[in-house]
Amino acid sequence: MVLTLLPLLAALQLFLQPVFPQGVPAAPSLSVQPPKQEYLAGDTINFRCTAPSSVNGIQGFHYYHTKESTSLTSPLRTHTHQKNLTGPEDGGPYQCSYWTDQSTSNKSNAIYIKMKARGHSWARQLVVGGSFFAINGLIFLISHLCMKSEASKQARTRDVNQYQPSIYSTPDYSSHSA
């Protein structure tokens, strides 16, 4: 049955051509300043969306990033949108479009913002944690040995004093008979 439908589907493909709406304004161009390979959290970037010179009656611009969009009203042909990058969620593709009193343009070329991850790797955490453990372990060991040495010294002094008569002691003659 599938083989009999193939010629029919091929014939339909000839008649079904994609239809694009007439009058959709041409897409703008998007650029970013400063251009970098990777951005850090805390960087500020400027997106510049420029509509073609053939378009009149611009009313505003849309900026798109993954699942969010921002709409800004501006009658100028070029619009700059400033963005403060806060973290990895700001990475990804950005696009823009503009709208006129009649319709909205196609989206611009995509600019991909790559966020550089700050160095919180497992190796760094292991080194920091290991150093903390080693330093505290050494402090405990030295304290323990010092305390043990002091206690041992006091015990030896007490033992020696117990069996050694005092130089200044007076002899006890009460047990002798006269």
N, C-alpha and C. Protein backbone atom coordinates (compact mmCIF):
# COMPACT_ATOMS: atom_id res chain seq x y z
N MET A 1 0.82 -1.18 0.00
CA MET A 1 0.00 0.00 0.00
C MET A 1 0.87 1.26 0.00
N VAL A 2 1.97 1.22 0.73
CA VAL A 2 2.86 2.37 0.78
C VAL A 2 3.43 2.66 -0.59
N LEU A 3 3.74 1.62 -1.35
CA LEU A 3 4.31 1.81 -2.69
C LEU A 3 3.31 2.46 -3.64
N THR A 4 2.03 2.23 -3.45
CA THR A 4 1.03 2.83 -4.34
C THR A 4 0.81 4.30 -4.02
N LEU A 5 1.12 4.72 -2.79
CA LEU A 5 0.94 6.12 -2.42
C LEU A 5 2.11 7.00 -2.86
N LEU A 6 3.26 6.41 -3.11
CA LEU A 6 4.43 7.19 -3.49
C LEU A 6 4.22 8.03 -4.75
N PRO A 7 3.67 7.48 -5.84
CA PRO A 7 3.46 8.33 -7.02
C PRO A 7 2.48 9.46 -6.74
N LEU A 8 1.47 9.20 -5.91
CA LEU A 8 0.50 10.23 -5.58
C LEU A 8 1.16 11.36 -4.78
N LEU A 9 1.99 10.99 -3.80
CA LEU A 9 2.70 11.99 -3.01
C LEU A 9 3.67 12.79 -3.86
N ALA A 10 4.33 12.16 -4.79
CA ALA A 10 5.25 12.86 -5.68
C ALA A 10 4.50 13.85 -6.55
N ALA A 11 3.32 13.48 -7.02
CA ALA A 11 2.52 14.38 -7.86
C ALA A 11 2.02 15.56 -7.03
N LEU A 12 1.63 15.33 -5.78
CA LEU A 12 1.16 16.41 -4.93
C LEU A 12 2.28 17.40 -4.62
N GLN A 13 3.51 16.90 -4.52
CA GLN A 13 4.64 17.76 -4.22
C GLN A 13 4.85 18.80 -5.32
N LEU A 14 4.52 18.46 -6.54
CA LEU A 14 4.64 19.41 -7.65
C LEU A 14 3.64 20.56 -7.50
N PHE A 15 2.48 20.26 -6.96
CA PHE A 15 1.44 21.27 -6.84
C PHE A 15 1.53 22.08 -5.54
N LEU A 16 2.10 21.47 -4.50
CA LEU A 16 2.17 22.14 -3.20
C LEU A 16 3.52 22.83 -3.05
N GLN A 17 3.60 24.04 -3.42
CA GLN A 17 4.79 24.85 -3.25
C GLN A 17 4.59 25.74 -2.02
N PRO A 18 5.67 25.99 -1.27
CA PRO A 18 5.51 26.85 -0.10
C PRO A 18 5.07 28.25 -0.51
N VAL A 19 4.17 28.80 0.28
CA VAL A 19 3.65 30.13 0.00
C VAL A 19 4.18 31.07 1.08
N PHE A 20 4.85 32.14 0.64
CA PHE A 20 5.36 33.13 1.56
C PHE A 20 4.48 34.36 1.46
N PRO A 21 4.10 34.93 2.59
CA PRO A 21 3.24 36.10 2.55
C PRO A 21 3.96 37.28 1.88
N GLN A 22 3.23 37.99 1.06
CA GLN A 22 3.78 39.17 0.40
C GLN A 22 3.77 40.32 1.39
N GLY A 23 4.74 41.18 1.24
CA GLY A 23 4.76 42.38 2.06
C GLY A 23 5.45 42.23 3.40
N VAL A 24 6.04 41.08 3.70
CA VAL A 24 6.79 40.93 4.96
C VAL A 24 8.10 41.69 4.79
N PRO A 25 8.37 42.63 5.67
CA PRO A 25 9.60 43.41 5.53
C PRO A 25 10.85 42.53 5.63
N ALA A 26 11.88 42.97 4.94
CA ALA A 26 13.15 42.24 4.95
C ALA A 26 13.74 42.22 6.37
N ALA A 27 14.50 41.20 6.64
CA ALA A 27 15.09 41.03 7.97
C ALA A 27 16.15 42.09 8.23
N PRO A 28 16.28 42.52 9.47
CA PRO A 28 17.35 43.47 9.82
C PRO A 28 18.67 42.73 10.00
N SER A 29 19.73 43.46 10.21
CA SER A 29 21.01 42.84 10.55
C SER A 29 21.30 43.13 12.02
N LEU A 30 21.96 42.19 12.68
CA LEU A 30 22.25 42.30 14.10
C LEU A 30 23.76 42.21 14.29
N SER A 31 24.30 43.09 15.12
CA SER A 31 25.72 43.03 15.48
C SER A 31 25.85 43.21 16.98
N VAL A 32 27.01 42.87 17.52
CA VAL A 32 27.25 42.99 18.96
C VAL A 32 28.57 43.71 19.19
N GLN A 33 28.58 44.56 20.20
CA GLN A 33 29.79 45.27 20.60
C GLN A 33 30.00 45.06 22.09
N PRO A 34 31.14 44.79 22.57
CA PRO A 34 32.34 44.43 21.83
C PRO A 34 32.26 42.98 21.38
N PRO A 35 32.77 42.69 20.19
CA PRO A 35 32.77 41.29 19.74
C PRO A 35 33.89 40.51 20.44
N LYS A 36 33.53 39.37 21.02
CA LYS A 36 34.50 38.51 21.71
C LYS A 36 34.19 37.05 21.39
N GLN A 37 35.19 36.19 21.62
CA GLN A 37 34.96 34.75 21.49
C GLN A 37 34.13 34.24 22.67
N GLU A 38 34.45 34.73 23.88
CA GLU A 38 33.75 34.33 25.10
C GLU A 38 33.54 35.56 25.98
N TYR A 39 32.42 35.55 26.69
CA TYR A 39 32.09 36.65 27.59
C TYR A 39 32.06 36.12 29.02
N LEU A 40 32.32 37.02 29.96
CA LEU A 40 32.28 36.68 31.38
C LEU A 40 31.05 37.30 32.03
N ALA A 41 30.60 36.68 33.10
CA ALA A 41 29.52 37.29 33.89
C ALA A 41 30.02 38.64 34.37
N GLY A 42 29.19 39.66 34.23
CA GLY A 42 29.59 41.01 34.59
C GLY A 42 29.90 41.88 33.37
N ASP A 43 30.12 41.25 32.21
CA ASP A 43 30.34 42.01 30.97
C ASP A 43 29.06 42.69 30.54
N THR A 44 29.20 43.83 29.89
CA THR A 44 28.07 44.54 29.30
C THR A 44 28.27 44.55 27.79
N ILE A 45 27.23 44.14 27.05
CA ILE A 45 27.31 44.13 25.60
C ILE A 45 26.18 44.99 25.02
N ASN A 46 26.38 45.43 23.79
CA ASN A 46 25.38 46.23 23.08
C ASN A 46 25.01 45.53 21.79
N PHE A 47 23.74 45.20 21.64
CA PHE A 47 23.23 44.65 20.39
C PHE A 47 22.75 45.82 19.53
N ARG A 48 23.13 45.80 18.26
CA ARG A 48 22.71 46.86 17.34
C ARG A 48 21.90 46.21 16.23
N CYS A 49 20.62 46.56 16.17
CA CYS A 49 19.70 46.02 15.18
C CYS A 49 19.46 47.12 14.14
N THR A 50 19.76 46.80 12.87
CA THR A 50 19.65 47.79 11.79
C THR A 50 18.69 47.29 10.73
N ALA A 51 17.64 48.06 10.49
CA ALA A 51 16.66 47.73 9.45
C ALA A 51 17.21 48.16 8.09
N PRO A 52 16.77 47.49 7.01
CA PRO A 52 17.22 47.88 5.67
C PRO A 52 16.78 49.32 5.35
N SER A 53 17.56 50.00 4.51
CA SER A 53 17.26 51.40 4.18
C SER A 53 15.98 51.54 3.37
N SER A 54 15.50 50.45 2.77
CA SER A 54 14.29 50.52 1.94
C SER A 54 13.00 50.52 2.77
N VAL A 55 13.10 50.31 4.07
CA VAL A 55 11.91 50.20 4.92
C VAL A 55 11.60 51.55 5.56
N ASN A 56 10.32 51.93 5.50
CA ASN A 56 9.85 53.16 6.12
C ASN A 56 8.80 52.85 7.18
N GLY A 57 8.59 53.77 8.09
CA GLY A 57 7.54 53.63 9.09
C GLY A 57 7.87 52.68 10.22
N ILE A 58 9.13 52.58 10.60
CA ILE A 58 9.52 51.69 11.70
C ILE A 58 8.97 52.25 13.01
N GLN A 59 8.40 51.34 13.81
CA GLN A 59 7.82 51.76 15.08
C GLN A 59 8.57 51.20 16.30
N GLY A 60 9.29 50.10 16.12
CA GLY A 60 10.01 49.53 17.25
C GLY A 60 10.76 48.28 16.87
N PHE A 61 11.43 47.71 17.87
CA PHE A 61 12.29 46.55 17.67
C PHE A 61 11.98 45.48 18.71
N HIS A 62 12.13 44.24 18.29
CA HIS A 62 12.04 43.08 19.19
C HIS A 62 13.44 42.46 19.27
N TYR A 63 13.84 42.07 20.46
CA TYR A 63 15.09 41.32 20.65
C TYR A 63 14.71 39.97 21.23
N TYR A 64 15.27 38.91 20.66
CA TYR A 64 14.92 37.54 21.05
C TYR A 64 16.14 36.82 21.62
N HIS A 65 15.92 36.11 22.70
CA HIS A 65 16.95 35.23 23.28
C HIS A 65 16.25 34.01 23.84
N THR A 66 16.56 32.86 23.30
CA THR A 66 15.95 31.57 23.66
C THR A 66 14.45 31.71 23.85
N LYS A 67 13.95 31.72 25.08
CA LYS A 67 12.49 31.71 25.30
C LYS A 67 11.94 33.08 25.66
N GLU A 68 12.78 34.11 25.63
CA GLU A 68 12.30 35.43 26.03
C GLU A 68 12.48 36.43 24.90
N SER A 69 11.70 37.49 24.96
CA SER A 69 11.85 38.57 23.99
C SER A 69 11.60 39.90 24.68
N THR A 70 12.22 40.94 24.14
CA THR A 70 12.07 42.28 24.66
C THR A 70 11.61 43.17 23.52
N SER A 71 10.59 43.97 23.75
CA SER A 71 10.10 44.90 22.73
C SER A 71 10.39 46.32 23.17
N LEU A 72 10.97 47.10 22.26
CA LEU A 72 11.33 48.48 22.56
C LEU A 72 10.84 49.38 21.43
N THR A 73 10.19 50.46 21.78
CA THR A 73 9.65 51.39 20.80
C THR A 73 10.74 52.36 20.36
N SER A 74 10.91 52.49 19.05
CA SER A 74 11.89 53.43 18.50
C SER A 74 11.58 53.65 17.03
N PRO A 75 11.45 54.90 16.58
CA PRO A 75 11.16 55.16 15.16
C PRO A 75 12.43 55.19 14.30
N LEU A 76 13.59 55.01 14.90
CA LEU A 76 14.85 55.09 14.15
C LEU A 76 15.11 53.80 13.39
N ARG A 77 15.93 53.89 12.36
CA ARG A 77 16.27 52.72 11.54
C ARG A 77 17.22 51.78 12.27
N THR A 78 18.01 52.32 13.18
CA THR A 78 18.98 51.54 13.95
C THR A 78 18.67 51.69 15.43
N HIS A 79 18.70 50.58 16.12
CA HIS A 79 18.43 50.61 17.57
C HIS A 79 19.51 49.81 18.29
N THR A 80 19.98 50.33 19.43
CA THR A 80 20.98 49.65 20.25
C THR A 80 20.34 49.25 21.57
N HIS A 81 20.53 47.98 21.91
CA HIS A 81 19.98 47.42 23.16
C HIS A 81 21.14 46.95 24.02
N GLN A 82 21.26 47.52 25.23
CA GLN A 82 22.34 47.15 26.14
C GLN A 82 21.90 45.99 27.03
N LYS A 83 22.82 45.03 27.22
CA LYS A 83 22.51 43.85 28.05
C LYS A 83 23.68 43.61 29.00
N ASN A 84 23.37 43.47 30.27
CA ASN A 84 24.37 43.09 31.28
C ASN A 84 24.33 41.57 31.43
N LEU A 85 25.44 40.94 31.19
CA LEU A 85 25.52 39.48 31.29
C LEU A 85 25.75 39.10 32.75
N THR A 86 24.89 38.22 33.26
CA THR A 86 24.97 37.85 34.67
C THR A 86 25.44 36.42 34.91
N GLY A 87 25.30 35.55 33.92
CA GLY A 87 25.72 34.16 34.13
C GLY A 87 25.47 33.31 32.91
N PRO A 88 25.61 31.99 33.06
CA PRO A 88 25.48 31.07 31.93
C PRO A 88 24.14 31.15 31.21
N GLU A 89 23.08 31.56 31.93
CA GLU A 89 21.76 31.65 31.30
C GLU A 89 21.70 32.74 30.24
N ASP A 90 22.67 33.65 30.23
CA ASP A 90 22.71 34.71 29.21
C ASP A 90 23.40 34.27 27.93
N GLY A 91 23.98 33.10 27.93
CA GLY A 91 24.60 32.58 26.72
C GLY A 91 23.55 32.04 25.77
N GLY A 92 23.92 31.92 24.50
CA GLY A 92 23.01 31.37 23.50
C GLY A 92 22.76 32.33 22.36
N PRO A 93 21.81 31.98 21.47
CA PRO A 93 21.57 32.80 20.29
C PRO A 93 20.69 34.02 20.59
N TYR A 94 21.00 35.11 19.93
CA TYR A 94 20.22 36.35 20.01
C TYR A 94 19.83 36.75 18.59
N GLN A 95 18.62 37.27 18.43
CA GLN A 95 18.14 37.77 17.15
C GLN A 95 17.30 39.02 17.40
N CYS A 96 17.01 39.74 16.33
CA CYS A 96 16.13 40.89 16.46
C CYS A 96 15.21 40.97 15.25
N SER A 97 14.17 41.76 15.38
CA SER A 97 13.27 42.07 14.27
C SER A 97 12.73 43.47 14.54
N TYR A 98 12.03 44.04 13.59
CA TYR A 98 11.42 45.34 13.78
C TYR A 98 9.99 45.26 13.32
N TRP A 99 9.18 46.22 13.76
CA TRP A 99 7.81 46.24 13.28
C TRP A 99 7.47 47.62 12.73
N THR A 100 6.58 47.58 11.78
CA THR A 100 6.06 48.81 11.18
C THR A 100 4.58 48.88 11.50
N ASP A 101 3.90 49.87 10.97
CA ASP A 101 2.46 49.97 11.21
C ASP A 101 1.69 48.89 10.47
N GLN A 102 2.36 48.16 9.55
CA GLN A 102 1.68 47.13 8.77
C GLN A 102 2.03 45.71 9.19
N SER A 103 3.28 45.44 9.55
CA SER A 103 3.66 44.07 9.88
C SER A 103 4.99 44.03 10.62
N THR A 104 5.38 42.83 10.98
CA THR A 104 6.66 42.59 11.66
C THR A 104 7.61 41.90 10.69
N SER A 105 8.86 42.30 10.72
CA SER A 105 9.86 41.73 9.81
C SER A 105 10.22 40.31 10.19
N ASN A 106 10.93 39.65 9.31
CA ASN A 106 11.55 38.37 9.64
C ASN A 106 12.64 38.63 10.67
N LYS A 107 13.07 37.58 11.35
CA LYS A 107 14.14 37.73 12.34
C LYS A 107 15.48 37.91 11.64
N SER A 108 16.37 38.58 12.33
CA SER A 108 17.71 38.84 11.81
C SER A 108 18.57 37.59 11.86
N ASN A 109 19.81 37.77 11.41
CA ASN A 109 20.82 36.73 11.59
C ASN A 109 21.00 36.50 13.09
N ALA A 110 21.37 35.29 13.47
CA ALA A 110 21.57 34.98 14.89
C ALA A 110 23.01 35.26 15.29
N ILE A 111 23.17 35.84 16.46
CA ILE A 111 24.49 36.02 17.05
C ILE A 111 24.53 35.16 18.30
N TYR A 112 25.57 34.32 18.38
CA TYR A 112 25.69 33.40 19.50
C TYR A 112 26.63 34.00 20.54
N ILE A 113 26.14 34.14 21.76
CA ILE A 113 26.95 34.63 22.88
C ILE A 113 27.39 33.42 23.69
N LYS A 114 28.71 33.24 23.75
CA LYS A 114 29.27 32.12 24.51
C LYS A 114 29.80 32.64 25.84
N MET A 115 29.26 32.09 26.93
CA MET A 115 29.67 32.51 28.26
C MET A 115 30.81 31.61 28.75
N LYS A 116 31.83 32.23 29.29
CA LYS A 116 32.96 31.47 29.84
C LYS A 116 32.64 31.10 31.27
N ALA A 117 32.78 29.84 31.57
CA ALA A 117 32.50 29.36 32.93
C ALA A 117 33.65 29.78 33.84
N ARG A 118 33.30 30.25 35.01
CA ARG A 118 34.34 30.58 35.99
C ARG A 118 34.86 29.28 36.56
N GLY A 119 36.13 29.26 36.95
CA GLY A 119 36.83 28.03 37.31
C GLY A 119 36.39 27.34 38.58
N HIS A 120 35.20 26.80 38.63
CA HIS A 120 34.77 26.01 39.79
C HIS A 120 34.77 24.54 39.39
N SER A 121 35.94 24.05 39.08
CA SER A 121 36.02 22.65 38.68
C SER A 121 36.22 21.76 39.90
N TRP A 122 36.05 20.48 39.71
CA TRP A 122 36.20 19.55 40.82
C TRP A 122 37.65 19.51 41.29
N ALA A 123 38.61 19.73 40.39
CA ALA A 123 40.02 19.70 40.79
C ALA A 123 40.33 20.85 41.75
N ARG A 124 39.79 22.03 41.46
CA ARG A 124 40.01 23.18 42.34
C ARG A 124 39.38 22.93 43.70
N GLN A 125 38.19 22.41 43.72
CA GLN A 125 37.52 22.13 44.99
C GLN A 125 38.29 21.08 45.79
N LEU A 126 38.84 20.10 45.09
CA LEU A 126 39.61 19.05 45.76
C LEU A 126 40.88 19.63 46.37
N VAL A 127 41.56 20.50 45.66
CA VAL A 127 42.78 21.11 46.18
C VAL A 127 42.47 21.98 47.39
N VAL A 128 41.45 22.82 47.29
CA VAL A 128 41.09 23.69 48.40
C VAL A 128 40.66 22.87 49.60
N GLY A 129 39.80 21.91 49.39
CA GLY A 129 39.33 21.06 50.49
C GLY A 129 40.45 20.24 51.09
N GLY A 130 41.32 19.70 50.25
CA GLY A 130 42.45 18.91 50.74
C GLY A 130 43.41 19.76 51.55
N SER A 131 43.66 20.98 51.09
CA SER A 131 44.55 21.89 51.82
C SER A 131 43.96 22.23 53.18
N PHE A 132 42.67 22.50 53.22
CA PHE A 132 41.99 22.81 54.47
C PHE A 132 42.14 21.64 55.45
N PHE A 133 41.91 20.43 54.95
CA PHE A 133 42.01 19.24 55.79
C PHE A 133 43.43 19.04 56.27
N ALA A 134 44.42 19.22 55.40
CA ALA A 134 45.82 19.00 55.76
C ALA A 134 46.28 20.02 56.80
N ILE A 135 45.94 21.28 56.61
CA ILE A 135 46.37 22.33 57.56
C ILE A 135 45.73 22.11 58.92
N ASN A 136 44.44 21.84 58.95
CA ASN A 136 43.78 21.59 60.24
C ASN A 136 44.29 20.32 60.89
N GLY A 137 44.60 19.32 60.09
CA GLY A 137 45.17 18.09 60.64
C GLY A 137 46.53 18.34 61.29
N LEU A 138 47.36 19.15 60.63
CA LEU A 138 48.68 19.47 61.19
C LEU A 138 48.54 20.29 62.49
N ILE A 139 47.63 21.23 62.50
CA ILE A 139 47.41 22.02 63.72
C ILE A 139 46.99 21.10 64.87
N PHE A 140 46.08 20.18 64.61
CA PHE A 140 45.64 19.25 65.65
C PHE A 140 46.79 18.37 66.12
N LEU A 141 47.59 17.84 65.18
CA LEU A 141 48.69 16.95 65.53
C LEU A 141 49.73 17.67 66.38
N ILE A 142 50.10 18.87 65.97
CA ILE A 142 51.10 19.63 66.74
C ILE A 142 50.56 19.97 68.12
N SER A 143 49.32 20.40 68.20
CA SER A 143 48.71 20.70 69.51
C SER A 143 48.68 19.47 70.39
N HIS A 144 48.30 18.34 69.82
CA HIS A 144 48.23 17.10 70.57
C HIS A 144 49.61 16.69 71.09
N LEU A 145 50.63 16.78 70.24
CA LEU A 145 51.98 16.39 70.65
C LEU A 145 52.52 17.33 71.72
N CYS A 146 52.24 18.62 71.60
CA CYS A 146 52.70 19.58 72.61
C CYS A 146 52.03 19.31 73.95
N MET A 147 50.73 19.06 73.92
CA MET A 147 50.00 18.79 75.16
C MET A 147 50.47 17.48 75.79
N LYS A 148 50.71 16.50 74.96
CA LYS A 148 51.16 15.19 75.45
C LYS A 148 52.55 15.33 76.06
N SER A 149 53.40 16.10 75.42
CA SER A 149 54.75 16.32 75.92
C SER A 149 54.72 17.05 77.26
N GLU A 150 53.88 18.05 77.39
CA GLU A 150 53.76 18.80 78.64
C GLU A 150 53.21 17.91 79.75
N ALA A 151 52.22 17.09 79.43
CA ALA A 151 51.64 16.18 80.43
C ALA A 151 52.68 15.15 80.85
N SER A 152 53.46 14.66 79.91
CA SER A 152 54.49 13.67 80.22
C SER A 152 55.56 14.29 81.10
N LYS A 153 55.93 15.52 80.82
CA LYS A 153 56.95 16.22 81.62
C LYS A 153 56.45 16.42 83.05
N GLN A 154 55.18 16.81 83.20
CA GLN A 154 54.62 17.00 84.54
C GLN A 154 54.55 15.68 85.29
N ALA A 155 54.22 14.59 84.60
CA ALA A 155 54.14 13.28 85.26
C ALA A 155 55.53 12.83 85.71
N ARG A 156 56.57 13.04 84.89
CA ARG A 156 57.93 12.66 85.29
C ARG A 156 58.40 13.48 86.48
N THR A 157 58.09 14.76 86.49
CA THR A 157 58.50 15.62 87.60
C THR A 157 57.81 15.17 88.88
N ARG A 158 56.54 14.81 88.80
CA ARG A 158 55.80 14.35 89.97
C ARG A 158 56.39 13.03 90.48
N ASP A 159 56.72 12.10 89.56
CA ASP A 159 57.28 10.81 89.96
C ASP A 159 58.64 10.98 90.60
N VAL A 160 59.47 11.83 90.07
CA VAL A 160 60.81 12.04 90.62
C VAL A 160 60.71 12.67 92.00
N ASN A 161 59.81 13.63 92.17
CA ASN A 161 59.66 14.30 93.46
C ASN A 161 59.10 13.36 94.52
N GLN A 162 58.36 12.38 94.12
CA GLN A 162 57.76 11.45 95.06
C GLN A 162 58.83 10.56 95.71
N TYR A 163 59.85 10.14 94.97
CA TYR A 163 60.85 9.22 95.48
C TYR A 163 62.13 9.91 95.93
N GLN A 164 62.26 11.17 95.72
CA GLN A 164 63.49 11.87 96.08
C GLN A 164 63.20 12.76 97.28
N PRO A 165 63.95 12.57 98.36
CA PRO A 165 63.71 13.41 99.53
C PRO A 165 64.14 14.84 99.26
N SER A 166 63.51 15.71 99.95
CA SER A 166 63.82 17.11 99.79
C SER A 166 65.14 17.40 100.47
N ILE A 167 65.91 18.28 99.95
CA ILE A 167 67.22 18.63 100.51
C ILE A 167 67.03 19.33 101.86
N TYR A 168 65.97 20.04 101.98
CA TYR A 168 65.76 20.84 103.18
C TYR A 168 64.90 20.12 104.25
N SER A 169 64.63 18.87 104.05
CA SER A 169 63.82 18.16 105.03
C SER A 169 64.67 17.84 106.27
N THR A 170 64.02 17.83 107.40
CA THR A 170 64.71 17.51 108.65
C THR A 170 64.50 16.04 108.97
N PRO A 171 65.53 15.39 109.45
CA PRO A 171 65.38 13.98 109.77
C PRO A 171 64.42 13.77 110.94
N ASP A 172 63.75 12.67 110.91
CA ASP A 172 62.78 12.33 111.94
C ASP A 172 63.47 11.41 112.94
N TYR A 173 63.73 11.92 114.13
CA TYR A 173 64.44 11.15 115.17
C TYR A 173 63.48 10.59 116.20
N SER A 174 62.25 10.68 116.04
CA SER A 174 61.29 10.23 117.04
C SER A 174 61.30 8.71 117.17
N SER A 175 61.70 8.01 116.17
CA SER A 175 61.69 6.55 116.25
C SER A 175 62.90 6.00 116.98
N HIS A 176 63.93 6.82 117.21
CA HIS A 176 65.12 6.36 117.93
C HIS A 176 64.91 6.51 119.43
N SER A 177 65.38 5.59 120.18
CA SER A 177 65.27 5.68 121.64
C SER A 177 66.59 6.16 122.22
N ALA A 178 66.53 6.91 123.25
CA ALA A 178 67.73 7.44 123.83
C ALA A 178 68.17 6.69 125.03
